[in-house]
C-alpha atoms as a PDB file:
ATOM      1  CA  MET A   1     -21.716  -6.678  27.091  1.00  0.00           C
ATOM      2  CA  SER A   2     -22.539  -6.747  23.385  1.00  0.00           C
ATOM      3  CA  LYS A   3     -25.891  -5.575  22.033  1.00  0.00           C
ATOM      4  CA  PHE A   4     -26.556  -9.148  20.931  1.00  0.00           C
ATOM      5  CA  ALA A   5     -26.050 -10.498  24.464  1.00  0.00           C
ATOM      6  CA  LYS A   6     -28.307  -7.802  25.921  1.00  0.00           C
ATOM      7  CA  TRP A   7     -30.976  -8.694  23.380  1.00  0.00           C
ATOM      8  CA  ILE A   8     -30.847 -12.396  24.353  1.00  0.00           C
ATOM      9  CA  LEU A   9     -31.102 -11.602  28.070  1.00  0.00           C
ATOM     10  CA  CYS A  10     -33.976  -9.244  27.373  1.00  0.00           C
ATOM     11  CA  PHE A  11     -35.714 -12.000  25.412  1.00  0.00           C
ATOM     12  CA  CYS A  12     -35.336 -14.400  28.354  1.00  0.00           C
ATOM     13  CA  LEU A  13     -36.791 -11.775  30.727  1.00  0.00           C
ATOM     14  CA  ILE A  14     -39.769 -11.210  28.419  1.00  0.00           C
ATOM     15  CA  ARG A  15     -40.452 -14.951  28.446  1.00  0.00           C
ATOM     16  CA  VAL A  16     -40.489 -14.955  32.260  1.00  0.00           C
ATOM     17  CA  LEU A  17     -42.725 -11.874  32.481  1.00  0.00           C
ATOM     18  CA  GLY A  18     -45.033 -13.384  29.927  1.00  0.00           C
ATOM     19  CA  ARG A  19     -45.772 -16.179  32.373  1.00  0.00           C
ATOM     20  CA  GLU A  20     -47.211 -13.809  35.018  1.00  0.00           C
ATOM     21  CA  ASN A  21     -50.735 -14.309  33.709  1.00  0.00           C
ATOM     22  CA  SER A  22     -50.428 -18.122  33.651  1.00  0.00           C
ATOM     23  CA  THR A  23     -52.092 -20.317  36.216  1.00  0.00           C
ATOM     24  CA  LYS A  24     -50.138 -21.582  39.190  1.00  0.00           C
ATOM     25  CA  GLU A  25     -50.313 -25.093  37.822  1.00  0.00           C
ATOM     26  CA  GLU A  26     -48.932 -23.976  34.456  1.00  0.00           C
ATOM     27  CA  ILE A  27     -46.076 -22.168  36.164  1.00  0.00           C
ATOM     28  CA  ASN A  28     -45.197 -25.172  38.299  1.00  0.00           C
ATOM     29  CA  ILE A  29     -45.251 -27.425  35.253  1.00  0.00           C
ATOM     30  CA  MET A  30     -43.165 -25.073  33.077  1.00  0.00           C
ATOM     31  CA  LYS A  31     -40.604 -23.856  35.644  1.00  0.00           C
ATOM     32  CA  PRO A  32     -38.091 -26.733  35.350  1.00  0.00           C
ATOM     33  CA  LYS A  33     -38.219 -26.543  31.569  1.00  0.00           C
ATOM     34  CA  GLN A  34     -37.854 -22.742  31.639  1.00  0.00           C
ATOM     35  CA  ILE A  35     -34.849 -22.924  33.930  1.00  0.00           C
ATOM     36  CA  PHE A  36     -33.170 -25.510  31.688  1.00  0.00           C
ATOM     37  CA  THR A  37     -33.917 -23.440  28.560  1.00  0.00           C
ATOM     38  CA  SER A  38     -32.564 -20.265  30.163  1.00  0.00           C
ATOM     39  CA  ILE A  39     -29.341 -22.006  31.161  1.00  0.00           C
ATOM     40  CA  LEU A  40     -28.864 -23.247  27.607  1.00  0.00           C
ATOM     41  CA  ALA A  41     -29.562 -19.767  26.265  1.00  0.00           C
ATOM     42  CA  VAL A  42     -26.908 -18.203  28.495  1.00  0.00           C
ATOM     43  CA  LEU A  43     -24.366 -20.894  27.625  1.00  0.00           C
ATOM     44  CA  PHE A  44     -25.125 -20.266  23.957  1.00  0.00           C
ATOM     45  CA  VAL A  45     -24.725 -16.502  24.301  1.00  0.00           C
ATOM     46  CA  PHE A  46     -21.249 -16.451  25.902  1.00  0.00           C
ATOM     47  CA  PRO A  47     -19.344 -17.889  22.933  1.00  0.00           C
ATOM     48  CA  LEU A  48     -21.370 -15.690  20.605  1.00  0.00           C
ATOM     49  CA  MET A  49     -20.352 -12.648  22.644  1.00  0.00           C
ATOM     50  CA  GLY A  50     -16.739 -13.527  21.973  1.00  0.00           C
ATOM     51  CA  THR A  51     -17.418 -14.023  18.281  1.00  0.00           C
ATOM     52  CA  PHE A  52     -19.183 -10.697  17.917  1.00  0.00           C
ATOM     53  CA  ALA A  53     -16.432  -8.918  19.853  1.00  0.00           C
ATOM     54  CA  GLN A  54     -13.807 -10.393  17.540  1.00  0.00           C
ATOM     55  CA  GLN A  55     -15.764  -9.266  14.507  1.00  0.00           C
ATOM     56  CA  ALA A  56     -16.114  -5.767  15.912  1.00  0.00           C
ATOM     57  CA  SER A  57     -12.377  -5.460  16.605  1.00  0.00           C
ATOM     58  CA  SER A  58     -11.514  -6.670  13.097  1.00  0.00           C
ATOM     59  CA  SER A  59     -14.126  -4.772  11.150  1.00  0.00           C
ATOM     60  CA  GLY A  60     -11.824  -3.905   8.256  1.00  0.00           C
ATOM     61  CA  SER A  61      -9.800  -5.893   5.781  1.00  0.00           C
ATOM     62  CA  ILE A  62      -8.171  -5.895   2.363  1.00  0.00           C
ATOM     63  CA  GLU A  63     -10.226  -7.877  -0.123  1.00  0.00           C
ATOM     64  CA  VAL A  64      -9.019  -8.850  -3.585  1.00  0.00           C
ATOM     65  CA  ILE A  65     -11.474  -7.763  -6.281  1.00  0.00           C
ATOM     66  CA  MET A  66      -9.671  -9.300  -9.237  1.00  0.00           C
ATOM     67  CA  THR A  67      -6.325 -10.160 -10.757  1.00  0.00           C
ATOM     68  CA  PHE A  68      -5.196  -9.198 -14.246  1.00  0.00           C
ATOM     69  CA  ASP A  69      -2.369  -9.569 -16.730  1.00  0.00           C
ATOM     70  CA  TYR A  70      -1.213  -7.310 -19.520  1.00  0.00           C
ATOM     71  CA  PRO A  71      -2.224  -9.140 -22.736  1.00  0.00           C
ATOM     72  CA  GLY A  72       0.415 -11.399 -24.231  1.00  0.00           C
ATOM     73  CA  ALA A  73       1.929 -14.768 -23.418  1.00  0.00           C
ATOM     74  CA  GLY A  74       4.562 -14.769 -20.696  1.00  0.00           C
ATOM     75  CA  ASN A  75       4.227 -11.112 -19.683  1.00  0.00           C
ATOM     76  CA  LEU A  76       5.095 -10.146 -16.121  1.00  0.00           C
ATOM     77  CA  THR A  77       2.590  -7.512 -14.925  1.00  0.00           C
ATOM     78  CA  LEU A  78       3.756  -4.867 -12.435  1.00  0.00           C
ATOM     79  CA  PRO A  79       1.071  -2.265 -11.574  1.00  0.00           C
ATOM     80  CA  GLN A  80       2.366   0.890  -9.884  1.00  0.00           C
ATOM     81  CA  LYS A  81      -0.334   3.487  -9.118  1.00  0.00           C
ATOM     82  CA  ILE A  82      -4.103   3.941  -9.294  1.00  0.00           C
ATOM     83  CA  ASN A  83      -5.965   7.239  -9.735  1.00  0.00           C
ATOM     84  CA  GLU A  84      -9.365   8.251  -8.353  1.00  0.00           C
ATOM     85  CA  ARG A  85     -11.071   7.064 -11.551  1.00  0.00           C
ATOM     86  CA  GLY A  86      -9.695   3.559 -11.135  1.00  0.00           C
ATOM     87  CA  ASP A  87      -7.153   3.796 -13.971  1.00  0.00           C
ATOM     88  CA  ILE A  88      -3.942   1.899 -13.224  1.00  0.00           C
ATOM     89  CA  VAL A  89      -0.466   2.611 -14.585  1.00  0.00           C
ATOM     90  CA  GLY A  90       2.413   0.204 -14.493  1.00  0.00           C
ATOM     91  CA  GLU A  91       4.818  -1.741 -16.619  1.00  0.00           C
ATOM     92  CA  PHE A  92       5.075  -5.208 -18.043  1.00  0.00           C
ATOM     93  CA  ILE A  93       8.142  -7.253 -18.892  1.00  0.00           C
ATOM     94  CA  ASP A  94       7.820  -9.460 -21.942  1.00  0.00           C
ATOM     95  CA  SER A  95       9.407 -12.852 -22.561  1.00  0.00           C
ATOM     96  CA  ASN A  96      12.470 -11.133 -24.067  1.00  0.00           C
ATOM     97  CA  GLY A  97      13.075  -9.027 -20.968  1.00  0.00           C
ATOM     98  CA  VAL A  98      11.869  -5.790 -22.582  1.00  0.00           C
ATOM     99  CA  THR A  99      10.073  -3.411 -20.200  1.00  0.00           C
ATOM    100  CA  ARG A 100       7.141  -1.333 -21.437  1.00  0.00           C
ATOM    101  CA  ALA A 101       4.696   0.943 -19.630  1.00  0.00           C
ATOM    102  CA  PHE A 102       0.925   0.492 -19.824  1.00  0.00           C
ATOM    103  CA  VAL A 103      -2.374   1.851 -18.563  1.00  0.00           C
ATOM    104  CA  ARG A 104      -5.247  -0.373 -17.535  1.00  0.00           C
ATOM    105  CA  PHE A 105      -8.314   1.830 -17.807  1.00  0.00           C
ATOM    106  CA  SER A 106     -11.176   1.652 -15.332  1.00  0.00           C
ATOM    107  CA  ASP A 107     -13.351  -0.164 -17.895  1.00  0.00           C
ATOM    108  CA  GLY A 108     -10.857  -3.038 -18.001  1.00  0.00           C
ATOM    109  CA  SER A 109      -9.275  -2.168 -21.367  1.00  0.00           C
ATOM    110  CA  PHE A 110      -5.527  -1.687 -21.852  1.00  0.00           C
ATOM    111  CA  SER A 111      -3.456   0.897 -23.654  1.00  0.00           C
ATOM    112  CA  ALA A 112      -0.962  -0.087 -26.306  1.00  0.00           C
ATOM    113  CA  PRO A 113       2.570  -0.519 -24.908  1.00  0.00           C
ATOM    114  CA  ILE A 114       3.954   2.885 -23.903  1.00  0.00           C
ATOM    115  CA  VAL A 115       7.483   3.513 -25.173  1.00  0.00           C
ATOM    116  CA  ASP A 116       9.310   6.799 -24.701  1.00  0.00           C
ATOM    117  CA  PRO A 117      10.664   8.000 -28.090  1.00  0.00           C
ATOM    118  CA  ASN A 118      14.161   8.254 -26.605  1.00  0.00           C
ATOM    119  CA  ASP A 119      14.152   4.749 -25.143  1.00  0.00           C
ATOM    120  CA  THR A 120      16.875   2.970 -27.103  1.00  0.00           C
ATOM    121  CA  VAL A 121      17.458  -0.002 -24.788  1.00  0.00           C
ATOM    122  CA  GLY A 122      13.958  -1.420 -24.266  1.00  0.00           C
ATOM    123  CA  PHE A 123      13.219   0.065 -20.850  1.00  0.00           C
ATOM    124  CA  THR A 124      10.223   2.377 -20.256  1.00  0.00           C
ATOM    125  CA  GLU A 125       8.338   2.336 -16.947  1.00  0.00           C
ATOM    126  CA  GLY A 126       4.983   3.813 -15.971  1.00  0.00           C
ATOM    127  CA  ARG A 127       5.172   5.106 -12.411  1.00  0.00           C
ATOM    128  CA  GLY A 128       2.194   7.396 -11.803  1.00  0.00           C
ATOM    129  CA  ILE A 129      -1.118   8.565 -13.251  1.00  0.00           C
ATOM    130  CA  ASN A 130      -3.355  11.491 -12.250  1.00  0.00           C
ATOM    131  CA  ASN A 131      -7.086  11.989 -12.682  1.00  0.00           C
ATOM    132  CA  SER A 132      -6.518  13.622 -16.081  1.00  0.00           C
ATOM    133  CA  ARG A 133      -4.744  10.431 -17.168  1.00  0.00           C
ATOM    134  CA  THR A 134      -1.385  12.132 -17.476  1.00  0.00           C
ATOM    135  CA  VAL A 135       1.231   9.426 -17.014  1.00  0.00           C
ATOM    136  CA  CYS A 136       4.661   9.938 -15.504  1.00  0.00           C
ATOM    137  CA  GLY A 137       7.491   7.483 -15.681  1.00  0.00           C
ATOM    138  CA  ASP A 138      11.099   6.912 -16.601  1.00  0.00           C
ATOM    139  CA  TYR A 139      13.158   5.373 -19.364  1.00  0.00           C
ATOM    140  CA  VAL A 140      16.789   4.544 -20.078  1.00  0.00           C
ATOM    141  CA  GLY A 141      18.380   6.341 -23.021  1.00  0.00           C
ATOM    142  CA  SER A 142      21.421   5.727 -25.146  1.00  0.00           C
ATOM    143  CA  ASP A 143      23.571   7.415 -22.491  1.00  0.00           C
ATOM    144  CA  GLY A 144      22.722   4.591 -20.097  1.00  0.00           C
ATOM    145  CA  ASN A 145      21.058   6.980 -17.656  1.00  0.00           C
ATOM    146  CA  SER A 146      17.491   7.111 -16.387  1.00  0.00           C
ATOM    147  CA  HIS A 147      15.332  10.038 -17.488  1.00  0.00           C
ATOM    148  CA  GLY A 148      11.834  11.111 -16.530  1.00  0.00           C
ATOM    149  CA  PHE A 149       8.880  11.748 -18.830  1.00  0.00           C
ATOM    150  CA  PHE A 150       5.255  12.850 -18.819  1.00  0.00           C
ATOM    151  CA  LEU A 151       2.727  11.516 -21.328  1.00  0.00           C
ATOM    152  CA  SER A 152      -0.478  13.470 -21.929  1.00  0.00           C
ATOM    153  CA  GLY A 153      -2.777  13.195 -24.919  1.00  0.00           C
ATOM    154  CA  GLY A 154      -0.215  11.191 -26.837  1.00  0.00           C
ATOM    155  CA  THR A 155       2.530  13.796 -26.311  1.00  0.00           C
ATOM    156  CA  PHE A 156       5.740  12.965 -24.445  1.00  0.00           C
ATOM    157  CA  THR A 157       7.478  15.659 -22.406  1.00  0.00           C
ATOM    158  CA  GLU A 158      10.947  14.921 -21.127  1.00  0.00           C
ATOM    159  CA  TYR A 159      11.689  15.706 -17.488  1.00  0.00           C
ATOM    160  CA  ASP A 160      15.123  15.663 -15.866  1.00  0.00           C
ATOM    161  CA  VAL A 161      16.056  17.183 -12.540  1.00  0.00           C
ATOM    162  CA  PRO A 162      19.352  19.081 -12.880  1.00  0.00           C
ATOM    163  CA  GLY A 163      22.167  17.030 -11.399  1.00  0.00           C
ATOM    164  CA  ALA A 164      19.942  13.934 -11.229  1.00  0.00           C
ATOM    165  CA  PHE A 165      19.295  14.905  -7.606  1.00  0.00           C
ATOM    166  CA  ASP A 166      22.853  14.089  -6.537  1.00  0.00           C
ATOM    167  CA  PRO A 167      24.267  17.072  -4.571  1.00  0.00           C
ATOM    168  CA  GLY A 168      27.824  16.120  -5.524  1.00  0.00           C
ATOM    169  CA  SER A 169      28.459  13.780  -2.608  1.00  0.00           C
ATOM    170  CA  GLY A 170      27.429  10.614  -4.442  1.00  0.00           C
ATOM    171  CA  ILE A 171      24.436  10.276  -2.118  1.00  0.00           C
ATOM    172  CA  LEU A 172      21.159   9.915  -3.995  1.00  0.00           C
ATOM    173  CA  GLN A 173      18.499  12.317  -2.715  1.00  0.00           C
ATOM    174  CA  GLY A 174      14.743  12.242  -2.849  1.00  0.00           C
ATOM    175  CA  PHE A 175      12.855  15.252  -4.148  1.00  0.00           C
ATOM    176  CA  VAL A 176       9.382  16.713  -4.532  1.00  0.00           C
ATOM    177  CA  SER A 177       8.340  19.199  -7.191  1.00  0.00           C
ATOM    178  CA  VAL A 178       5.316  21.391  -6.421  1.00  0.00           C
ATOM    179  CA  GLY A 179       4.433  24.191  -8.826  1.00  0.00           C
ATOM    180  CA  GLY A 180       7.825  23.840 -10.474  1.00  0.00           C
ATOM    181  CA  THR A 181       9.709  24.308  -7.205  1.00  0.00           C
ATOM    182  CA  ILE A 182      12.018  21.393  -6.442  1.00  0.00           C
ATOM    183  CA  THR A 183      12.849  20.467  -2.860  1.00  0.00           C
ATOM    184  CA  SER A 184      15.418  17.743  -2.265  1.00  0.00           C
ATOM    185  CA  PHE A 185      15.971  15.873   0.988  1.00  0.00           C
ATOM    186  CA  SER A 186      17.877  12.951   2.496  1.00  0.00           C
ATOM    187  CA  VAL A 187      17.309  10.682   5.453  1.00  0.00           C
ATOM    188  CA  PRO A 188      20.286  11.275   7.774  1.00  0.00           C
ATOM    189  CA  GLY A 189      22.922   8.585   7.373  1.00  0.00           C
ATOM    190  CA  ALA A 190      21.324   7.135   4.229  1.00  0.00           C
ATOM    191  CA  ILE A 191      23.363   6.412   1.118  1.00  0.00           C
ATOM    192  CA  SER A 192      20.218   6.792  -1.016  1.00  0.00           C
ATOM    193  CA  THR A 193      16.773   8.318  -0.391  1.00  0.00           C
ATOM    194  CA  LEU A 194      13.952   7.691  -2.856  1.00  0.00           C
ATOM    195  CA  ALA A 195      10.603   9.497  -2.822  1.00  0.00           C
ATOM    196  CA  TYR A 196       7.679   7.603  -4.353  1.00  0.00           C
ATOM    197  CA  GLN A 197       4.512   9.614  -3.872  1.00  0.00           C
ATOM    198  CA  LEU A 198       3.208  12.938  -2.613  1.00  0.00           C
ATOM    199  CA  ASN A 199      -0.471  12.530  -1.797  1.00  0.00           C
ATOM    200  CA  ASN A 200      -3.189  14.762  -3.274  1.00  0.00           C
ATOM    201  CA  SER A 201      -3.374  16.935  -0.170  1.00  0.00           C
ATOM    202  CA  LYS A 202       0.391  17.551  -0.436  1.00  0.00           C
ATOM    203  CA  GLN A 203       0.668  16.532   3.200  1.00  0.00           C
ATOM    204  CA  LEU A 204       2.624  13.300   3.059  1.00  0.00           C
ATOM    205  CA  VAL A 205       5.562  11.991   1.045  1.00  0.00           C
ATOM    206  CA  VAL A 206       6.429   8.308   1.308  1.00  0.00           C
ATOM    207  CA  GLY A 207       9.348   6.273   0.045  1.00  0.00           C
ATOM    208  CA  TYR A 208      12.330   4.314   1.234  1.00  0.00           C
ATOM    209  CA  TYR A 209      16.021   4.787   1.934  1.00  0.00           C
ATOM    210  CA  ILE A 210      19.110   2.588   1.962  1.00  0.00           C
ATOM    211  CA  ASP A 211      21.229   2.718   5.086  1.00  0.00           C
ATOM    212  CA  GLY A 212      24.998   2.349   5.344  1.00  0.00           C
ATOM    213  CA  SER A 213      24.666  -1.451   5.542  1.00  0.00           C
ATOM    214  CA  GLY A 214      22.601  -1.642   2.371  1.00  0.00           C
ATOM    215  CA  ILE A 215      19.310  -2.325   4.215  1.00  0.00           C
ATOM    216  CA  LEU A 216      16.068  -0.785   2.910  1.00  0.00           C
ATOM    217  CA  HIS A 217      13.748   1.057   5.297  1.00  0.00           C
ATOM    218  CA  GLY A 218      10.535   2.989   4.788  1.00  0.00           C
ATOM    219  CA  TYR A 219      10.082   6.639   5.763  1.00  0.00           C
ATOM    220  CA  PHE A 220       7.513   9.403   5.476  1.00  0.00           C
ATOM    221  CA  ARG A 221       7.906  13.163   5.307  1.00  0.00           C
ATOM    222  CA  ASP A 222       5.094  15.202   6.826  1.00  0.00           C
ATOM    223  CA  ALA A 223       3.662  18.596   5.840  1.00  0.00           C
ATOM    224  CA  ASN A 224       6.171  20.378   8.085  1.00  0.00           C
ATOM    225  CA  GLY A 225       9.138  18.808   6.319  1.00  0.00           C
ATOM    226  CA  VAL A 226       9.876  16.417   9.187  1.00  0.00           C
ATOM    227  CA  LEU A 227      11.205  12.992   8.223  1.00  0.00           C
ATOM    228  CA  HIS A 228       9.943   9.987  10.193  1.00  0.00           C
ATOM    229  CA  PHE A 229      12.119   6.881   9.963  1.00  0.00           C
ATOM    230  CA  PRO A 230      12.745   4.003   9.991  1.00  0.00           C
ATOM    231  CA  ILE A 231       9.327   2.565   9.143  1.00  0.00           C
ATOM    232  CA  ASP A 232       9.835  -1.179   9.582  1.00  0.00           C
ATOM    233  CA  PRO A 233       7.175  -3.679  10.667  1.00  0.00           C
ATOM    234  CA  SER A 234       8.230  -6.406  13.068  1.00  0.00           C
ATOM    235  CA  GLY A 235      10.334  -9.062  11.344  1.00  0.00           C
ATOM    236  CA  SER A 236      11.287  -6.927   8.358  1.00  0.00           C
ATOM    237  CA  VAL A 237      14.722  -7.193   6.771  1.00  0.00           C
ATOM    238  CA  GLY A 238      13.822  -4.663   4.060  1.00  0.00           C
ATOM    239  CA  THR A 239      10.851  -2.279   3.749  1.00  0.00           C
ATOM    240  CA  VAL A 240       9.610  -0.169   0.833  1.00  0.00           C
ATOM    241  CA  LEU A 241       6.704   2.305   1.014  1.00  0.00           C
ATOM    242  CA  PHE A 242       5.240   2.941  -2.439  1.00  0.00           C
ATOM    243  CA  GLY A 243       1.977   4.884  -2.269  1.00  0.00           C
ATOM    244  CA  ASP A 244      -0.366   6.913  -0.098  1.00  0.00           C
ATOM    245  CA  ASN A 245      -3.759   8.568  -0.364  1.00  0.00           C
ATOM    246  CA  ILE A 246      -5.467  11.676   0.965  1.00  0.00           C
ATOM    247  CA  ARG A 247      -6.450   9.738   4.116  1.00  0.00           C
ATOM    248  CA  ASN A 248      -2.750   9.084   4.816  1.00  0.00           C
ATOM    249  CA  TRP A 249      -3.183   5.355   4.245  1.00  0.00           C
ATOM    250  CA  VAL A 250       0.127   3.988   2.994  1.00  0.00           C
ATOM    251  CA  VAL A 251       0.903   0.794   1.075  1.00  0.00           C
ATOM    252  CA  GLY A 252       4.139  -1.012   0.327  1.00  0.00           C
ATOM    253  CA  ARG A 253       5.890  -4.276   1.046  1.00  0.00           C
ATOM    254  CA  TYR A 254       8.525  -5.830   3.271  1.00  0.00           C
ATOM    255  CA  ALA A 255      10.646  -8.965   3.222  1.00  0.00           C
ATOM    256  CA  ASP A 256      11.244 -11.258   6.180  1.00  0.00           C
ATOM    257  CA  SER A 257      14.268 -13.390   7.047  1.00  0.00           C
ATOM    258  CA  SER A 258      12.748 -16.493   5.449  1.00  0.00           C
ATOM    259  CA  GLY A 259      12.650 -14.847   2.033  1.00  0.00           C
ATOM    260  CA  VAL A 260       8.899 -14.174   1.952  1.00  0.00           C
ATOM    261  CA  THR A 261       7.751 -10.743   0.783  1.00  0.00           C
ATOM    262  CA  HIS A 262       4.523  -9.409   2.279  1.00  0.00           C
ATOM    263  CA  GLY A 263       2.174  -6.647   1.242  1.00  0.00           C
ATOM    264  CA  LEU A 264       2.170  -3.863   3.825  1.00  0.00           C
ATOM    265  CA  PHE A 265      -0.555  -1.462   4.953  1.00  0.00           C
ATOM    266  CA  PHE A 266       0.646   1.364   7.182  1.00  0.00           C
ATOM    267  CA  VAL A 267      -1.152   4.193   8.971  1.00  0.00           C
ATOM    268  CA  PRO A 268       1.204   6.840  10.375  1.00  0.00           C
ATOM    269  CA  PRO A 269       2.751   7.173  12.792  1.00  0.00           C
ATOM    270  CA  ASN A 270       3.183   3.494  13.697  1.00  0.00           C
ATOM    271  CA  ASN A 271       0.284   1.180  12.826  1.00  0.00           C
ATOM    272  CA  PHE A 272       0.818  -1.787  10.504  1.00  0.00           C
ATOM    273  CA  PHE A 273      -0.840  -4.840   9.121  1.00  0.00           C
ATOM    274  CA  THR A 274       0.231  -7.429   6.582  1.00  0.00           C
ATOM    275  CA  PHE A 275      -1.558  -8.680   3.476  1.00  0.00           C
ATOM    276  CA  ASP A 276      -0.470 -11.799   1.594  1.00  0.00           C
ATOM    277  CA  TYR A 277      -2.078 -12.968  -1.621  1.00  0.00           C
ATOM    278  CA  PRO A 278      -3.244 -16.557  -0.927  1.00  0.00           C
ATOM    279  CA  GLY A 279      -0.625 -19.148  -1.804  1.00  0.00           C
ATOM    280  CA  SER A 280       2.027 -16.613  -2.828  1.00  0.00           C
ATOM    281  CA  THR A 281       5.380 -15.899  -1.199  1.00  0.00           C
ATOM    282  CA  PHE A 282       5.624 -12.475  -2.868  1.00  0.00           C
ATOM    283  CA  THR A 283       2.974  -9.756  -2.525  1.00  0.00           C
ATOM    284  CA  SER A 284       3.502  -6.057  -3.203  1.00  0.00           C
ATOM    285  CA  LEU A 285       0.968  -3.266  -2.670  1.00  0.00           C
ATOM    286  CA  ASN A 286       2.018  -0.308  -4.808  1.00  0.00           C
ATOM    287  CA  GLY A 287      -0.771   2.257  -5.066  1.00  0.00           C
ATOM    288  CA  ILE A 288      -3.931   3.304  -3.231  1.00  0.00           C
ATOM    289  CA  ASN A 289      -6.574   5.923  -4.042  1.00  0.00           C
ATOM    290  CA  ALA A 290      -8.904   7.925  -1.810  1.00  0.00           C
ATOM    291  CA  ALA A 291     -11.671   5.325  -2.041  1.00  0.00           C
ATOM    292  CA  GLY A 292      -9.306   2.663  -0.709  1.00  0.00           C
ATOM    293  CA  PHE A 293      -8.773   0.817  -3.999  1.00  0.00           C
ATOM    294  CA  ILE A 294      -5.312  -0.742  -4.166  1.00  0.00           C
ATOM    295  CA  CYS A 295      -3.183  -1.917  -7.072  1.00  0.00           C
ATOM    296  CA  GLY A 296      -0.236  -4.235  -6.718  1.00  0.00           C
ATOM    297  CA  ARG A 297       0.967  -7.658  -7.685  1.00  0.00           C
ATOM    298  CA  TYR A 298       1.717 -11.165  -6.560  1.00  0.00           C
ATOM    299  CA  VAL A 299       4.073 -13.795  -7.946  1.00  0.00           C
ATOM    300  CA  ASP A 300       2.833 -17.336  -8.549  1.00  0.00           C
ATOM    301  CA  ALA A 301       4.719 -20.595  -8.029  1.00  0.00           C
ATOM    302  CA  SER A 302       6.160 -20.465 -11.551  1.00  0.00           C
ATOM    303  CA  GLY A 303       7.590 -16.979 -11.026  1.00  0.00           C
ATOM    304  CA  ILE A 304       5.002 -15.067 -13.082  1.00  0.00           C
ATOM    305  CA  ALA A 305       3.885 -11.690 -11.694  1.00  0.00           C
ATOM    306  CA  HIS A 306       0.163 -10.879 -11.907  1.00  0.00           C
ATOM    307  CA  GLY A 307      -1.641  -7.626 -11.210  1.00  0.00           C
ATOM    308  CA  ILE A 308      -3.976  -7.265  -8.229  1.00  0.00           C
ATOM    309  CA  ILE A 309      -6.904  -4.916  -7.699  1.00  0.00           C
ATOM    310  CA  ALA A 310      -8.055  -4.923  -4.088  1.00  0.00           C
ATOM    311  CA  ARG A 311     -10.020  -2.695  -1.754  1.00  0.00           C
ATOM    312  CA  VAL A 312      -9.837  -1.700   1.879  1.00  0.00           C
ATOM    313  CA  THR A 313     -13.202  -2.347   3.508  1.00  0.00           C
ATOM    314  CA  GLY A 314     -14.264  -0.895   6.836  1.00  0.00           C
ATOM    315  CA  THR A 315     -11.640   0.426   9.216  1.00  0.00           C
ATOM    316  CA  PRO A 316      -8.395  -1.427   8.539  1.00  0.00           C
ATOM    317  CA  PRO A 317      -7.247  -3.579  11.457  1.00  0.00           C
ATOM    318  CA  THR A 318      -3.858  -2.219  12.422  1.00  0.00           C
ATOM    319  CA  LYS A 319      -1.464  -3.144  15.177  1.00  0.00           C
ATOM    320  CA  GLU A 320       0.497  -0.428  16.900  1.00  0.00           C
ATOM    321  CA  ALA A 321       4.222  -0.892  16.716  1.00  0.00           C
ATOM    322  CA  GLY A 322       6.220  -1.563  19.832  1.00  0.00           C
ATOM    323  CA  PRO A 323       8.773   1.001  21.067  1.00  0.00           C
ATOM    324  CA  GLU A 324      11.554  -0.729  19.133  1.00  0.00           C
ATOM    325  CA  MET A 325       9.703  -0.157  15.851  1.00  0.00           C
ATOM    326  CA  LYS A 326       8.608   3.436  16.304  1.00  0.00           C
ATOM    327  CA  ALA A 327      10.163   5.943  13.963  1.00  0.00           C
ATOM    328  CA  PHE A 328      12.684   8.625  14.757  1.00  0.00           C
ATOM    329  CA  ASP A 329      11.890  12.196  13.732  1.00  0.00           C
ATOM    330  CA  SER A 330      14.302  14.458  11.916  1.00  0.00           C
ATOM    331  CA  ARG A 331      14.075  17.710  10.008  1.00  0.00           C
ATOM    332  CA  SER A 332      14.557  17.179   6.268  1.00  0.00           C
ATOM    333  CA  LEU A 333      18.055  17.972   5.102  1.00  0.00           C
ATOM    334  CA  VAL A 334      17.370  20.312   2.198  1.00  0.00           C
ATOM    335  CA  THR A 335      20.451  20.762   0.030  1.00  0.00           C
ATOM    336  CA  PRO A 336      20.805  22.912  -3.106  1.00  0.00           C
ATOM    337  CA  LEU A 337      21.064  20.675  -6.139  1.00  0.00           C
ATOM    338  CA  ASN A 338      24.362  20.335  -7.935  1.00  0.00           C
ATOM    339  CA  GLN A 339      23.769  21.605 -11.476  1.00  0.00           C
ATOM    340  CA  SER A 340      26.516  19.469 -13.035  1.00  0.00           C
ATOM    341  CA  PRO A 341      25.470  16.318 -14.979  1.00  0.00           C
ATOM    342  CA  SER A 342      25.317  13.246 -12.829  1.00  0.00           C
ATOM    343  CA  ALA A 343      24.026   9.709 -13.263  1.00  0.00           C
ATOM    344  CA  TRP A 344      21.801   7.706 -10.988  1.00  0.00           C
ATOM    345  CA  GLY A 345      24.727   5.586  -9.908  1.00  0.00           C
ATOM    346  CA  GLY A 346      23.390   2.256 -11.156  1.00  0.00           C
ATOM    347  CA  ALA A 347      20.825   1.765  -8.391  1.00  0.00           C
ATOM    348  CA  MET A 348      17.480   0.641  -9.845  1.00  0.00           C
ATOM    349  CA  PRO A 349      14.618   2.028  -7.745  1.00  0.00           C
ATOM    350  CA  ALA A 350      12.256  -0.608  -6.365  1.00  0.00           C
ATOM    351  CA  ARG A 351       9.035  -1.244  -8.277  1.00  0.00           C
END
């Protein structure tokens, strides 16, 4: 019984006890009315008990704080990650199809378009930002290949993993770099494995992989190097996990068979819930910080992508996956990197 129901019953009891000092005549006069009132009170309480129970079981949610667009007519806005200060990094695509990185600072102002000096084709993405406002991302150079960069204090530093994390088999591997030490890994049977974020506690890596049939699935790699896969909510025909925080809350998106793309909130090992921006058939949740602030995007009816800032409130309502959706476990396959030059292979990582 809920506290509210107990309080109502206690109130009814107090009313009855309060009549003990009344005269016999008063009691006889009031009894029918009291009985009728008590019945109504109980009938009123039962539906309320259900309402309060529902509220208690769904005490958390994702609430949109605001939407935003990178300044300029016709820009598509694609936020990627959010730091603990509330700064957001991402990219925008202008009306000419040129991709540029940007930062939306916590005060609501925007950086100038970020363009890597070696970007010769009009493609620079912002993929991550730390609490010192160092930005990481990628660009496409004159060689047609993707290259990494860091941007700190106005200075670009190029970053390329030797062999472009292809061990020579043509299978794209994910990697993490901690203290300059690179560890590569692959989901068994995958033709490509992409790592998107290592959380601040260095306990959880999330990303997605492409199986032999070309289907996308989420995965996570725990602190012991164990891969958990596939991470697919019910009804998914393609899942991408983009970001996680120190609480091991994970965000991403998945597509269903009707062509609708849903924002995804995931708590390992197997709890999910879906978030859809109202009226949109495409929602993507891309980054989340320790305070539960989320950045992502939705696409409107005219095909324009807009940035979202949202927040997890309370304890997120999650539904445990059924046995058919629970992930397999596998030790990471760590392979020495091939030092010979190698391209990405033409696969554009999801964003």
